[in-house]
Amino acid sequence: MTRLILSIFNQSHHQGEYSAKLSVDGVEQSSTFKLSINPHETYSKAQLDAKKAFWMELYHVAKTSSGEIQKALAVQEQVMAKAESKPAAKAAAEQVAAVVDEYKAVYIPKGRTLAEIINQPAKIFSKMTWLHNMMEQTEGPANQPMIDQLPNLKSKRPLLMRPMQRI
């Protein structure tokens, strides 16, 4: 995903004013022109740079969150494996599994049917995916409601870590 984001924004490095000169049989003609990503849009390079910074921050939050879930699942797997060889640890292992499932459920929708999944409030990864797709599919600067969503998602992450600290 990082390559995709950077390839989109690396195109902006060539924006600017240029001059072209043509010489044919000793006759010269020159013209200046402005090169932009989309000449029909009026957004500035500063706005495009702000969009890139927002998108990269979103990427890093999603990557960190994903890593935390993977670590929690690894702990869950290790505890459950140890509980198989030590029946006395089974109750503690089930508690750990419940905490990890609770933690994971805040990020990822879970249900037995598609209807159950769809009818849940949007989970953190669903919101991050929506923000990413909007950034990828739209031109111009990120709009303020999109920008406001990221601090909201980031502020929920420390609260989500509390169940994991019980392990």
C-alpha atoms as a PDB file:
ATOM      1  CA  MET A   1       0.000   0.000   0.000  1.00  0.00           C
ATOM      2  CA  THR A   2       2.877   2.399   0.737  1.00  0.00           C
ATOM      3  CA  ARG A   3       4.080   2.064  -2.868  1.00  0.00           C
ATOM      4  CA  LEU A   4       0.616   2.883  -4.172  1.00  0.00           C
ATOM      5  CA  ILE A   5       0.355   6.005  -2.031  1.00  0.00           C
ATOM      6  CA  LEU A   6       3.845   7.192  -2.939  1.00  0.00           C
ATOM      7  CA  SER A   7       3.432   6.465  -6.651  1.00  0.00           C
ATOM      8  CA  ILE A   8       0.306   8.605  -6.716  1.00  0.00           C
ATOM      9  CA  PHE A   9       2.055  11.492  -5.015  1.00  0.00           C
ATOM     10  CA  ASN A  10       5.388  11.211  -6.806  1.00  0.00           C
ATOM     11  CA  GLN A  11       3.587  12.400  -9.914  1.00  0.00           C
ATOM     12  CA  SER A  12       3.189  15.776  -8.215  1.00  0.00           C
ATOM     13  CA  HIS A  13       6.944  16.415  -8.221  1.00  0.00           C
ATOM     14  CA  HIS A  14       6.788  17.351 -11.893  1.00  0.00           C
ATOM     15  CA  GLN A  15       4.180  20.059 -11.419  1.00  0.00           C
ATOM     16  CA  GLY A  16       5.176  23.599 -12.283  1.00  0.00           C
ATOM     17  CA  GLU A  17       5.754  26.142 -15.030  1.00  0.00           C
ATOM     18  CA  TYR A  18       7.714  24.979 -18.056  1.00  0.00           C
ATOM     19  CA  SER A  19       8.924  26.499 -21.277  1.00  0.00           C
ATOM     20  CA  ALA A  20       9.060  24.622 -24.569  1.00  0.00           C
ATOM     21  CA  LYS A  21      11.120  25.750 -27.524  1.00  0.00           C
ATOM     22  CA  LEU A  22      10.831  24.414 -31.079  1.00  0.00           C
ATOM     23  CA  SER A  23      13.289  25.145 -33.891  1.00  0.00           C
ATOM     24  CA  VAL A  24      12.439  24.184 -37.473  1.00  0.00           C
ATOM     25  CA  ASP A  25      14.484  25.393 -40.447  1.00  0.00           C
ATOM     26  CA  GLY A  26      15.920  28.224 -38.374  1.00  0.00           C
ATOM     27  CA  VAL A  27      12.536  29.426 -37.147  1.00  0.00           C
ATOM     28  CA  GLU A  28      12.095  29.297 -33.395  1.00  0.00           C
ATOM     29  CA  GLN A  29       8.866  29.202 -31.495  1.00  0.00           C
ATOM     30  CA  SER A  30       8.561  29.060 -27.727  1.00  0.00           C
ATOM     31  CA  SER A  31       5.690  28.751 -25.352  1.00  0.00           C
ATOM     32  CA  THR A  32       5.259  28.441 -21.618  1.00  0.00           C
ATOM     33  CA  PHE A  33       2.798  26.090 -19.996  1.00  0.00           C
ATOM     34  CA  LYS A  34       1.768  24.931 -16.545  1.00  0.00           C
ATOM     35  CA  LEU A  35       1.837  21.226 -15.722  1.00  0.00           C
ATOM     36  CA  SER A  36      -0.424  19.923 -12.965  1.00  0.00           C
ATOM     37  CA  ILE A  37      -1.887  16.561 -12.043  1.00  0.00           C
ATOM     38  CA  ASN A  38      -5.324  17.573 -13.245  1.00  0.00           C
ATOM     39  CA  PRO A  39      -5.455  20.906 -15.069  1.00  0.00           C
ATOM     40  CA  HIS A  40      -9.214  21.166 -14.422  1.00  0.00           C
ATOM     41  CA  GLU A  41      -8.683  21.276 -10.639  1.00  0.00           C
ATOM     42  CA  THR A  42      -7.428  24.254  -8.692  1.00  0.00           C
ATOM     43  CA  TYR A  43      -5.870  22.603  -5.643  1.00  0.00           C
ATOM     44  CA  SER A  44      -2.330  23.595  -4.734  1.00  0.00           C
ATOM     45  CA  LYS A  45       0.785  21.523  -4.172  1.00  0.00           C
ATOM     46  CA  ALA A  46       0.529  22.392  -0.456  1.00  0.00           C
ATOM     47  CA  GLN A  47      -2.968  20.866  -0.350  1.00  0.00           C
ATOM     48  CA  LEU A  48      -1.691  17.790  -2.171  1.00  0.00           C
ATOM     49  CA  ASP A  49       1.217  17.488   0.294  1.00  0.00           C
ATOM     50  CA  ALA A  50      -1.271  17.735   3.187  1.00  0.00           C
ATOM     51  CA  LYS A  51      -3.317  14.921   1.604  1.00  0.00           C
ATOM     52  CA  LYS A  52      -0.185  12.791   1.324  1.00  0.00           C
ATOM     53  CA  ALA A  53       0.718  13.428   4.984  1.00  0.00           C
ATOM     54  CA  PHE A  54      -2.815  12.516   6.082  1.00  0.00           C
ATOM     55  CA  TRP A  55      -2.815   9.357   3.962  1.00  0.00           C
ATOM     56  CA  MET A  56       0.569   8.236   5.273  1.00  0.00           C
ATOM     57  CA  GLU A  57      -0.547   8.840   8.877  1.00  0.00           C
ATOM     58  CA  LEU A  58      -3.649   6.734   8.196  1.00  0.00           C
ATOM     59  CA  TYR A  59      -1.425   4.002   6.745  1.00  0.00           C
ATOM     60  CA  HIS A  60       0.838   3.963   9.812  1.00  0.00           C
ATOM     61  CA  VAL A  61      -2.107   3.845  12.246  1.00  0.00           C
ATOM     62  CA  ALA A  62      -3.630   0.933  10.300  1.00  0.00           C
ATOM     63  CA  LYS A  63      -0.298  -0.910  10.129  1.00  0.00           C
ATOM     64  CA  THR A  64       0.334  -0.455  13.871  1.00  0.00           C
ATOM     65  CA  SER A  65      -3.195  -1.573  14.751  1.00  0.00           C
ATOM     66  CA  SER A  66      -2.890  -4.619  12.529  1.00  0.00           C
ATOM     67  CA  GLY A  67       0.423  -5.535  14.166  1.00  0.00           C
ATOM     68  CA  GLU A  68      -1.118  -5.258  17.625  1.00  0.00           C
ATOM     69  CA  ILE A  69      -3.943  -7.596  16.666  1.00  0.00           C
ATOM     70  CA  GLN A  70      -1.486 -10.091  15.190  1.00  0.00           C
ATOM     71  CA  LYS A  71       0.521 -10.039  18.444  1.00  0.00           C
ATOM     72  CA  ALA A  72      -2.646 -10.568  20.486  1.00  0.00           C
ATOM     73  CA  LEU A  73      -3.643 -13.514  18.287  1.00  0.00           C
ATOM     74  CA  ALA A  74      -0.156 -15.012  18.689  1.00  0.00           C
ATOM     75  CA  VAL A  75      -0.460 -14.738  22.488  1.00  0.00           C
ATOM     76  CA  GLN A  76      -3.895 -16.341  22.303  1.00  0.00           C
ATOM     77  CA  GLU A  77      -2.538 -19.211  20.215  1.00  0.00           C
ATOM     78  CA  GLN A  78       0.429 -19.800  22.553  1.00  0.00           C
ATOM     79  CA  VAL A  79      -1.760 -19.787  25.667  1.00  0.00           C
ATOM     80  CA  MET A  80      -4.279 -22.172  24.123  1.00  0.00           C
ATOM     81  CA  ALA A  81      -1.475 -24.520  23.018  1.00  0.00           C
ATOM     82  CA  LYS A  82      -0.015 -24.586  26.542  1.00  0.00           C
ATOM     83  CA  ALA A  83      -3.466 -25.195  28.011  1.00  0.00           C
ATOM     84  CA  GLU A  84      -3.801 -28.364  25.929  1.00  0.00           C
ATOM     85  CA  SER A  85      -0.840 -29.920  27.736  1.00  0.00           C
ATOM     86  CA  LYS A  86      -1.814 -28.505  31.149  1.00  0.00           C
ATOM     87  CA  PRO A  87      -5.527 -29.012  31.859  1.00  0.00           C
ATOM     88  CA  ALA A  88      -5.270 -26.867  35.005  1.00  0.00           C
ATOM     89  CA  ALA A  89      -4.456 -23.838  32.834  1.00  0.00           C
ATOM     90  CA  LYS A  90      -7.531 -24.258  30.648  1.00  0.00           C
ATOM     91  CA  ALA A  91      -9.698 -21.739  32.563  1.00  0.00           C
ATOM     92  CA  ALA A  92      -6.963 -19.077  32.423  1.00  0.00           C
ATOM     93  CA  ALA A  93      -6.418 -19.758  28.721  1.00  0.00           C
ATOM     94  CA  GLU A  94     -10.122 -19.331  28.028  1.00  0.00           C
ATOM     95  CA  GLN A  95     -10.035 -15.968  29.831  1.00  0.00           C
ATOM     96  CA  VAL A  96      -7.116 -14.854  27.678  1.00  0.00           C
ATOM     97  CA  ALA A  97      -8.941 -16.019  24.554  1.00  0.00           C
ATOM     98  CA  ALA A  98     -12.046 -14.048  25.593  1.00  0.00           C
ATOM     99  CA  VAL A  99     -10.000 -10.872  26.146  1.00  0.00           C
ATOM    100  CA  VAL A 100      -8.297 -11.242  22.750  1.00  0.00           C
ATOM    101  CA  ASP A 101     -11.642 -11.879  21.045  1.00  0.00           C
ATOM    102  CA  GLU A 102     -13.101  -8.792  22.744  1.00  0.00           C
ATOM    103  CA  TYR A 103     -10.128  -6.722  21.586  1.00  0.00           C
ATOM    104  CA  LYS A 104     -10.296  -8.051  18.037  1.00  0.00           C
ATOM    105  CA  ALA A 105     -14.058  -7.452  17.823  1.00  0.00           C
ATOM    106  CA  VAL A 106     -13.554  -3.692  18.207  1.00  0.00           C
ATOM    107  CA  TYR A 107     -11.440  -3.651  15.042  1.00  0.00           C
ATOM    108  CA  ILE A 108     -13.051  -6.350  12.930  1.00  0.00           C
ATOM    109  CA  PRO A 109     -16.762  -7.161  12.492  1.00  0.00           C
ATOM    110  CA  LYS A 110     -17.737 -10.662  13.546  1.00  0.00           C
ATOM    111  CA  GLY A 111     -20.909 -12.586  12.900  1.00  0.00           C
ATOM    112  CA  ARG A 112     -22.292 -15.905  11.778  1.00  0.00           C
ATOM    113  CA  THR A 113     -24.076 -14.439   8.780  1.00  0.00           C
ATOM    114  CA  LEU A 114     -23.469 -11.555   6.408  1.00  0.00           C
ATOM    115  CA  ALA A 115     -26.593  -9.863   7.792  1.00  0.00           C
ATOM    116  CA  GLU A 116     -25.129  -9.939  11.319  1.00  0.00           C
ATOM    117  CA  ILE A 117     -21.871  -8.434  10.100  1.00  0.00           C
ATOM    118  CA  ILE A 118     -23.517  -5.727   7.986  1.00  0.00           C
ATOM    119  CA  ASN A 119     -25.863  -4.656  10.777  1.00  0.00           C
ATOM    120  CA  GLN A 120     -23.043  -3.938  13.217  1.00  0.00           C
ATOM    121  CA  PRO A 121     -21.769  -0.396  13.748  1.00  0.00           C
ATOM    122  CA  ALA A 122     -18.685   0.299  11.628  1.00  0.00           C
ATOM    123  CA  LYS A 123     -15.545  -1.103  13.203  1.00  0.00           C
ATOM    124  CA  ILE A 124     -12.186   0.663  13.252  1.00  0.00           C
ATOM    125  CA  PHE A 125     -10.704  -1.280  10.320  1.00  0.00           C
ATOM    126  CA  SER A 126     -13.872  -0.690   8.286  1.00  0.00           C
ATOM    127  CA  LYS A 127     -13.523   3.063   8.856  1.00  0.00           C
ATOM    128  CA  MET A 128      -9.812   3.004   8.013  1.00  0.00           C
ATOM    129  CA  THR A 129     -10.546   1.085   4.815  1.00  0.00           C
ATOM    130  CA  TRP A 130     -13.226   3.599   3.847  1.00  0.00           C
ATOM    131  CA  LEU A 131     -10.837   6.516   4.456  1.00  0.00           C
ATOM    132  CA  HIS A 132      -8.114   4.819   2.407  1.00  0.00           C
ATOM    133  CA  ASN A 133     -10.486   4.105  -0.481  1.00  0.00           C
ATOM    134  CA  MET A 134     -11.735   7.695  -0.480  1.00  0.00           C
ATOM    135  CA  MET A 135      -8.159   8.983  -0.601  1.00  0.00           C
ATOM    136  CA  GLU A 136      -7.341   6.618  -3.455  1.00  0.00           C
ATOM    137  CA  GLN A 137     -10.426   7.361  -5.553  1.00  0.00           C
ATOM    138  CA  THR A 138     -10.707  11.129  -5.181  1.00  0.00           C
ATOM    139  CA  GLU A 139      -8.635  14.012  -6.450  1.00  0.00           C
ATOM    140  CA  GLY A 140      -7.804  17.186  -4.635  1.00  0.00           C
ATOM    141  CA  PRO A 141      -7.339  17.788  -0.946  1.00  0.00           C
ATOM    142  CA  ALA A 142      -8.833  15.619   1.761  1.00  0.00           C
ATOM    143  CA  ASN A 143     -12.038  17.124   3.095  1.00  0.00           C
ATOM    144  CA  GLN A 144     -12.385  18.163   6.722  1.00  0.00           C
ATOM    145  CA  PRO A 145     -14.802  15.395   7.818  1.00  0.00           C
ATOM    146  CA  MET A 146     -12.271  12.829   6.568  1.00  0.00           C
ATOM    147  CA  ILE A 147      -9.442  14.588   8.380  1.00  0.00           C
ATOM    148  CA  ASP A 148     -11.525  14.703  11.580  1.00  0.00           C
ATOM    149  CA  GLN A 149     -12.068  10.921  11.525  1.00  0.00           C
ATOM    150  CA  LEU A 150      -8.413   9.975  11.964  1.00  0.00           C
ATOM    151  CA  PRO A 151      -7.845  11.638  15.384  1.00  0.00           C
ATOM    152  CA  ASN A 152     -11.149  10.094  16.476  1.00  0.00           C
ATOM    153  CA  LEU A 153      -9.939   6.616  15.468  1.00  0.00           C
ATOM    154  CA  LYS A 154      -6.521   7.194  17.020  1.00  0.00           C
ATOM    155  CA  SER A 155      -8.067   8.325  20.310  1.00  0.00           C
ATOM    156  CA  LYS A 156      -9.978   5.032  20.588  1.00  0.00           C
ATOM    157  CA  ARG A 157      -6.837   2.914  20.209  1.00  0.00           C
ATOM    158  CA  PRO A 158      -5.387   3.480  23.731  1.00  0.00           C
ATOM    159  CA  LEU A 159      -8.793   2.621  25.204  1.00  0.00           C
ATOM    160  CA  LEU A 160      -8.799  -0.575  23.207  1.00  0.00           C
ATOM    161  CA  MET A 161      -5.442  -1.589  24.603  1.00  0.00           C
ATOM    162  CA  ARG A 162      -6.846  -1.740  28.167  1.00  0.00           C
ATOM    163  CA  PRO A 163      -8.359  -5.243  27.776  1.00  0.00           C
ATOM    164  CA  MET A 164      -5.025  -6.469  26.416  1.00  0.00           C
ATOM    165  CA  GLN A 165      -3.207  -5.179  29.509  1.00  0.00           C
ATOM    166  CA  ARG A 166      -5.169  -7.687  31.595  1.00  0.00           C
ATOM    167  CA  ILE A 167      -3.280 -10.531  29.917  1.00  0.00           C
END
